[in-house]
C-alpha atoms as a PDB file:
ATOM      1  CA  MET A   1       5.891  15.313 -13.965  1.00  0.00           C
ATOM      2  CA  ALA A   2       4.101  12.697 -11.954  1.00  0.00           C
ATOM      3  CA  ARG A   3       1.050  15.391 -11.693  1.00  0.00           C
ATOM      4  CA  VAL A   4       0.723  15.560 -15.426  1.00  0.00           C
ATOM      5  CA  GLY A   5       0.659  11.514 -15.429  1.00  0.00           C
ATOM      6  CA  ARG A   6      -2.258  11.546 -12.837  1.00  0.00           C
ATOM      7  CA  MET A   7      -4.151  13.685 -15.044  1.00  0.00           C
ATOM      8  CA  LEU A   8      -3.581  12.009 -18.083  1.00  0.00           C
ATOM      9  CA  ASP A   9      -4.498   8.817 -15.914  1.00  0.00           C
ATOM     10  CA  ALA A  10      -7.918  10.417 -14.913  1.00  0.00           C
ATOM     11  CA  CYS A  11      -8.533  11.841 -18.257  1.00  0.00           C
ATOM     12  CA  ALA A  12      -8.528   7.968 -19.768  1.00  0.00           C
ATOM     13  CA  GLY A  13     -11.069   6.832 -17.185  1.00  0.00           C
ATOM     14  CA  LEU A  14     -13.239   9.842 -17.613  1.00  0.00           C
ATOM     15  CA  VAL A  15     -13.460   9.433 -21.246  1.00  0.00           C
ATOM     16  CA  ASP A  16     -14.565   5.594 -21.064  1.00  0.00           C
ATOM     17  CA  GLU A  17     -17.059   6.907 -18.260  1.00  0.00           C
ATOM     18  CA  VAL A  18     -18.483  10.059 -19.622  1.00  0.00           C
ATOM     19  CA  GLY A  19     -17.061  10.507 -23.219  1.00  0.00           C
ATOM     20  CA  TYR A  20     -15.281  13.346 -24.803  1.00  0.00           C
ATOM     21  CA  ASP A  21     -18.539  15.613 -24.682  1.00  0.00           C
ATOM     22  CA  GLY A  22     -19.099  14.821 -20.941  1.00  0.00           C
ATOM     23  CA  LEU A  23     -15.435  15.406 -19.754  1.00  0.00           C
ATOM     24  CA  THR A  24     -14.995  18.366 -18.161  1.00  0.00           C
ATOM     25  CA  THR A  25     -11.696  20.340 -16.608  1.00  0.00           C
ATOM     26  CA  THR A  26     -13.328  20.403 -13.379  1.00  0.00           C
ATOM     27  CA  LEU A  27     -14.082  16.637 -13.413  1.00  0.00           C
ATOM     28  CA  LEU A  28     -10.736  15.989 -14.397  1.00  0.00           C
ATOM     29  CA  ALA A  29      -9.014  18.123 -11.351  1.00  0.00           C
ATOM     30  CA  GLU A  30     -11.308  16.323  -9.122  1.00  0.00           C
ATOM     31  CA  ARG A  31     -10.345  12.766 -10.578  1.00  0.00           C
ATOM     32  CA  ALA A  32      -6.696  13.585 -10.318  1.00  0.00           C
ATOM     33  CA  GLY A  33      -6.726  15.063  -6.975  1.00  0.00           C
ATOM     34  CA  VAL A  34      -5.279  18.522  -8.375  1.00  0.00           C
ATOM     35  CA  ALA A  35      -6.695  22.103  -8.057  1.00  0.00           C
ATOM     36  CA  ILE A  36      -8.138  23.178 -10.963  1.00  0.00           C
ATOM     37  CA  GLY A  37      -5.274  25.918 -11.493  1.00  0.00           C
ATOM     38  CA  SER A  38      -2.883  22.908 -12.012  1.00  0.00           C
ATOM     39  CA  VAL A  39      -4.925  21.770 -15.094  1.00  0.00           C
ATOM     40  CA  TYR A  40      -4.872  25.056 -16.567  1.00  0.00           C
ATOM     41  CA  GLN A  41      -1.000  25.081 -15.656  1.00  0.00           C
ATOM     42  CA  PHE A  42      -0.168  22.401 -18.173  1.00  0.00           C
ATOM     43  CA  PHE A  43      -3.104  22.309 -20.258  1.00  0.00           C
ATOM     44  CA  PRO A  44      -5.296  25.292 -21.677  1.00  0.00           C
ATOM     45  CA  ASP A  45      -8.490  23.415 -22.129  1.00  0.00           C
ATOM     46  CA  LYS A  46      -9.953  19.597 -22.456  1.00  0.00           C
ATOM     47  CA  ARG A  47      -8.935  19.100 -26.106  1.00  0.00           C
ATOM     48  CA  ALA A  48      -5.119  19.977 -24.962  1.00  0.00           C
ATOM     49  CA  ILE A  49      -5.443  17.521 -22.268  1.00  0.00           C
ATOM     50  CA  VAL A  50      -7.275  14.641 -24.658  1.00  0.00           C
ATOM     51  CA  GLN A  51      -4.299  15.260 -27.661  1.00  0.00           C
ATOM     52  CA  ALA A  52      -1.477  14.760 -24.415  1.00  0.00           C
ATOM     53  CA  LEU A  53      -3.204  11.329 -23.966  1.00  0.00           C
ATOM     54  CA  THR A  54      -3.656  10.567 -27.356  1.00  0.00           C
ATOM     55  CA  MET A  55       0.105  11.291 -27.839  1.00  0.00           C
ATOM     56  CA  ARG A  56       0.694   8.823 -24.910  1.00  0.00           C
ATOM     57  CA  SER A  57      -1.092   6.126 -26.294  1.00  0.00           C
ATOM     58  CA  LEU A  58       0.164   6.851 -29.587  1.00  0.00           C
ATOM     59  CA  GLU A  59       4.302   6.319 -28.377  1.00  0.00           C
ATOM     60  CA  SER A  60       2.987   3.189 -26.287  1.00  0.00           C
ATOM     61  CA  TYR A  61       1.355   1.296 -29.224  1.00  0.00           C
ATOM     62  CA  LEU A  62       4.619   1.962 -31.053  1.00  0.00           C
ATOM     63  CA  ALA A  63       6.995   1.132 -28.435  1.00  0.00           C
ATOM     64  CA  ARG A  64       4.761  -2.089 -27.811  1.00  0.00           C
ATOM     65  CA  LEU A  65       4.691  -2.750 -31.622  1.00  0.00           C
ATOM     66  CA  GLY A  66       8.601  -1.988 -31.996  1.00  0.00           C
ATOM     67  CA  ALA A  67       9.336  -4.407 -29.209  1.00  0.00           C
ATOM     68  CA  ARG A  68       6.781  -7.146 -30.392  1.00  0.00           C
ATOM     69  CA  LEU A  69       8.433  -6.982 -34.070  1.00  0.00           C
ATOM     70  CA  VAL A  70      12.204  -7.254 -32.327  1.00  0.00           C
ATOM     71  CA  GLU A  71      10.984 -10.296 -30.730  1.00  0.00           C
ATOM     72  CA  ALA A  72       9.099 -11.856 -33.719  1.00  0.00           C
ATOM     73  CA  ASP A  73      10.588 -14.158 -36.472  1.00  0.00           C
ATOM     74  CA  LEU A  74       9.116 -12.850 -39.423  1.00  0.00           C
ATOM     75  CA  ARG A  75       9.384 -14.429 -42.803  1.00  0.00           C
ATOM     76  CA  GLU A  76       8.386 -10.936 -44.553  1.00  0.00           C
ATOM     77  CA  TRP A  77       7.880  -7.365 -43.507  1.00  0.00           C
ATOM     78  CA  TRP A  78       4.271  -7.097 -44.034  1.00  0.00           C
ATOM     79  CA  ASP A  79       4.150 -10.168 -41.593  1.00  0.00           C
ATOM     80  CA  ALA A  80       4.023  -7.390 -39.361  1.00  0.00           C
ATOM     81  CA  VAL A  81       0.258  -6.280 -40.041  1.00  0.00           C
ATOM     82  CA  ASP A  82      -0.289  -9.474 -37.568  1.00  0.00           C
ATOM     83  CA  ALA A  83       1.380  -7.485 -34.597  1.00  0.00           C
ATOM     84  CA  ALA A  84       0.106  -3.857 -35.574  1.00  0.00           C
ATOM     85  CA  ILE A  85      -3.424  -5.224 -35.423  1.00  0.00           C
ATOM     86  CA  ASP A  86      -2.874  -7.678 -32.248  1.00  0.00           C
ATOM     87  CA  GLU A  87      -1.320  -4.640 -30.301  1.00  0.00           C
ATOM     88  CA  TYR A  88      -4.133  -2.109 -31.122  1.00  0.00           C
ATOM     89  CA  THR A  89      -6.831  -4.722 -30.160  1.00  0.00           C
ATOM     90  CA  ALA A  90      -5.060  -5.455 -26.932  1.00  0.00           C
ATOM     91  CA  MET A  91      -4.798  -1.643 -26.537  1.00  0.00           C
ATOM     92  CA  HIS A  92      -8.059  -1.501 -27.294  1.00  0.00           C
ATOM     93  CA  ARG A  93      -9.516  -4.180 -24.862  1.00  0.00           C
ATOM     94  CA  THR A  94      -7.267  -3.015 -21.761  1.00  0.00           C
ATOM     95  CA  VAL A  95      -5.731   0.681 -21.744  1.00  0.00           C
ATOM     96  CA  PRO A  96      -8.354   3.154 -20.593  1.00  0.00           C
ATOM     97  CA  GLY A  97      -9.144   6.239 -22.747  1.00  0.00           C
ATOM     98  CA  PHE A  98      -7.903   4.123 -25.755  1.00  0.00           C
ATOM     99  CA  ARG A  99     -11.407   2.275 -26.375  1.00  0.00           C
ATOM    100  CA  THR A 100     -13.152   5.712 -26.587  1.00  0.00           C
ATOM    101  CA  LEU A 101     -10.562   7.807 -28.463  1.00  0.00           C
ATOM    102  CA  HIS A 102      -8.339   5.709 -30.658  1.00  0.00           C
ATOM    103  CA  PHE A 103      -5.683   8.185 -31.690  1.00  0.00           C
ATOM    104  CA  GLY A 104      -7.938  11.158 -31.730  1.00  0.00           C
ATOM    105  CA  ASP A 105     -10.527  10.760 -34.581  1.00  0.00           C
ATOM    106  CA  VAL A 106     -13.543  11.196 -32.160  1.00  0.00           C
ATOM    107  CA  VAL A 107     -12.159  14.270 -31.067  1.00  0.00           C
ATOM    108  CA  ASP A 108     -10.473  16.030 -34.246  1.00  0.00           C
ATOM    109  CA  ILE A 109      -9.176  14.355 -37.494  1.00  0.00           C
ATOM    110  CA  HIS A 110      -6.376  16.648 -36.801  1.00  0.00           C
ATOM    111  CA  LEU A 111      -5.831  15.833 -33.362  1.00  0.00           C
ATOM    112  CA  LEU A 112      -2.266  14.491 -33.540  1.00  0.00           C
ATOM    113  CA  ASP A 113      -0.755  17.084 -36.075  1.00  0.00           C
ATOM    114  CA  PRO A 114      -2.582  20.145 -37.528  1.00  0.00           C
ATOM    115  CA  GLU A 115      -1.143  19.693 -40.961  1.00  0.00           C
ATOM    116  CA  ARG A 116      -1.871  15.882 -41.524  1.00  0.00           C
ATOM    117  CA  ASP A 117      -4.802  13.732 -40.799  1.00  0.00           C
ATOM    118  CA  ASN A 118      -4.453  11.612 -37.665  1.00  0.00           C
ATOM    119  CA  ASN A 119      -3.970   8.244 -39.866  1.00  0.00           C
ATOM    120  CA  ALA A 120      -1.490   9.952 -42.105  1.00  0.00           C
ATOM    121  CA  VAL A 121       0.822  10.520 -38.513  1.00  0.00           C
ATOM    122  CA  ILE A 122       0.435   6.821 -37.868  1.00  0.00           C
ATOM    123  CA  VAL A 123       1.411   5.967 -41.449  1.00  0.00           C
ATOM    124  CA  SER A 124       4.554   8.056 -40.965  1.00  0.00           C
ATOM    125  CA  HIS A 125       5.658   6.542 -37.762  1.00  0.00           C
ATOM    126  CA  LEU A 126       4.663   2.910 -38.644  1.00  0.00           C
ATOM    127  CA  ALA A 127       6.754   3.656 -42.176  1.00  0.00           C
ATOM    128  CA  GLU A 128       9.516   4.584 -39.868  1.00  0.00           C
ATOM    129  CA  LEU A 129       9.473   1.502 -37.780  1.00  0.00           C
ATOM    130  CA  LEU A 130       9.304  -0.610 -40.697  1.00  0.00           C
ATOM    131  CA  VAL A 131      12.089   0.918 -42.468  1.00  0.00           C
ATOM    132  CA  LYS A 132      14.007   0.928 -39.737  1.00  0.00           C
ATOM    133  CA  GLN A 133      13.199  -2.837 -38.660  1.00  0.00           C
ATOM    134  CA  PHE A 134      13.153  -4.239 -42.107  1.00  0.00           C
ATOM    135  CA  GLY A 135      15.818  -2.099 -44.180  1.00  0.00           C
ATOM    136  CA  ILE A 136      12.820  -1.562 -46.529  1.00  0.00           C
ATOM    137  CA  GLU A 137      12.544   1.553 -48.761  1.00  0.00           C
ATOM    138  CA  ALA A 138      11.402   4.691 -47.592  1.00  0.00           C
ATOM    139  CA  GLY A 139       9.568   6.869 -50.100  1.00  0.00           C
ATOM    140  CA  GLU A 140       6.193   7.835 -51.365  1.00  0.00           C
ATOM    141  CA  ARG A 141       5.047   4.303 -52.520  1.00  0.00           C
ATOM    142  CA  LEU A 142       5.405   2.658 -49.260  1.00  0.00           C
ATOM    143  CA  GLU A 143       3.682   5.488 -47.335  1.00  0.00           C
ATOM    144  CA  PHE A 144       0.902   5.265 -50.015  1.00  0.00           C
ATOM    145  CA  ALA A 145       0.544   1.449 -49.764  1.00  0.00           C
ATOM    146  CA  LEU A 146       0.505   1.974 -45.758  1.00  0.00           C
ATOM    147  CA  ALA A 147      -2.017   4.746 -45.860  1.00  0.00           C
ATOM    148  CA  ILE A 148      -4.331   2.121 -47.700  1.00  0.00           C
ATOM    149  CA  GLY A 149      -3.614  -0.703 -45.235  1.00  0.00           C
ATOM    150  CA  VAL A 150      -4.275   1.882 -42.167  1.00  0.00           C
ATOM    151  CA  GLU A 151      -7.330   2.785 -43.540  1.00  0.00           C
ATOM    152  CA  MET A 152      -8.469  -0.841 -44.257  1.00  0.00           C
ATOM    153  CA  ALA A 153      -7.251  -1.522 -41.093  1.00  0.00           C
ATOM    154  CA  ASP A 154      -9.157   1.412 -38.923  1.00  0.00           C
ATOM    155  CA  ALA A 155     -12.766   0.639 -40.929  1.00  0.00           C
ATOM    156  CA  LEU A 156     -12.516  -3.489 -40.111  1.00  0.00           C
ATOM    157  CA  ILE A 157     -11.286  -2.992 -36.484  1.00  0.00           C
ATOM    158  CA  LYS A 158     -14.202  -0.609 -35.791  1.00  0.00           C
ATOM    159  CA  MET A 159     -16.203  -3.552 -37.804  1.00  0.00           C
ATOM    160  CA  ALA A 160     -15.097  -5.955 -35.759  1.00  0.00           C
ATOM    161  CA  PHE A 161     -15.510  -3.994 -32.383  1.00  0.00           C
ATOM    162  CA  ARG A 162     -19.219  -3.041 -33.517  1.00  0.00           C
ATOM    163  CA  ARG A 163     -19.762  -6.956 -33.648  1.00  0.00           C
ATOM    164  CA  ALA A 164     -18.359  -8.061 -30.640  1.00  0.00           C
ATOM    165  CA  PRO A 165     -17.315  -6.187 -27.602  1.00  0.00           C
ATOM    166  CA  GLU A 166     -13.749  -7.628 -27.422  1.00  0.00           C
ATOM    167  CA  GLY A 167     -13.292  -7.633 -31.204  1.00  0.00           C
ATOM    168  CA  ASP A 168     -15.289 -10.203 -33.831  1.00  0.00           C
ATOM    169  CA  PRO A 169     -11.921 -12.558 -34.020  1.00  0.00           C
ATOM    170  CA  VAL A 170     -13.233 -13.678 -37.468  1.00  0.00           C
ATOM    171  CA  VAL A 171     -13.192 -10.069 -38.549  1.00  0.00           C
ATOM    172  CA  LEU A 172      -9.865  -9.291 -37.105  1.00  0.00           C
ATOM    173  CA  GLU A 173      -8.220 -12.325 -38.819  1.00  0.00           C
ATOM    174  CA  GLU A 174      -9.275 -11.280 -41.976  1.00  0.00           C
ATOM    175  CA  ALA A 175      -8.421  -7.830 -41.932  1.00  0.00           C
ATOM    176  CA  LYS A 176      -4.784  -9.017 -41.520  1.00  0.00           C
ATOM    177  CA  VAL A 177      -5.257 -11.467 -44.654  1.00  0.00           C
ATOM    178  CA  LEU A 178      -6.603  -8.612 -46.475  1.00  0.00           C
ATOM    179  CA  ILE A 179      -4.270  -5.872 -45.586  1.00  0.00           C
ATOM    180  CA  LYS A 180      -1.037  -8.833 -45.728  1.00  0.00           C
ATOM    181  CA  ASP A 181      -2.119  -9.360 -48.955  1.00  0.00           C
ATOM    182  CA  TYR A 182      -2.674  -6.042 -50.200  1.00  0.00           C
ATOM    183  CA  LEU A 183       0.829  -5.120 -49.057  1.00  0.00           C
ATOM    184  CA  HIS A 184       2.673  -8.139 -50.633  1.00  0.00           C
ATOM    185  CA  HIS A 185       1.003  -7.563 -53.967  1.00  0.00           C
ATOM    186  CA  ARG A 186       1.748  -3.471 -53.956  1.00  0.00           C
ATOM    187  CA  LEU A 187       5.201  -3.788 -52.660  1.00  0.00           C
ATOM    188  CA  SER A 188       7.095  -6.814 -53.261  1.00  0.00           C
END
């Protein structure tokens, strides 16, 4: 699986350099130092490669966030919003490919799951993490509130990075305040 990892790493660098539209399997094979047949052995097309990279990013994000929540001394579960936004922005700044792909919307709103949009997939993972970590009640009410929070975060984080290359800290802080306030009032 080291070969697949090299291909995903190559994909991450290339999408930052040439974008999704400029990415080709030939470029990917050259960058990863593998034969084009090796690419097709694991991935039928560039969409599948980007999908695997996006899944890797989602798993990394959830692991980073989960570890941070274990370490944090939070008064209330909605205070996890700070950690969620901080981890997302840290990945946006430092993880190759993430700045361009995020969680896949630039490719396809259903990249992570053919039945649900990408943000809905993220919401279900976040709900699972919060239920496990904080023992809050799972269900439609939680998932709906988190869906609103994720959509707000998505829009405001994009705004922050449009305003400043490293993310406008004022917008990022305002996003945290708005989302925590919303979740507190909806679910307390």
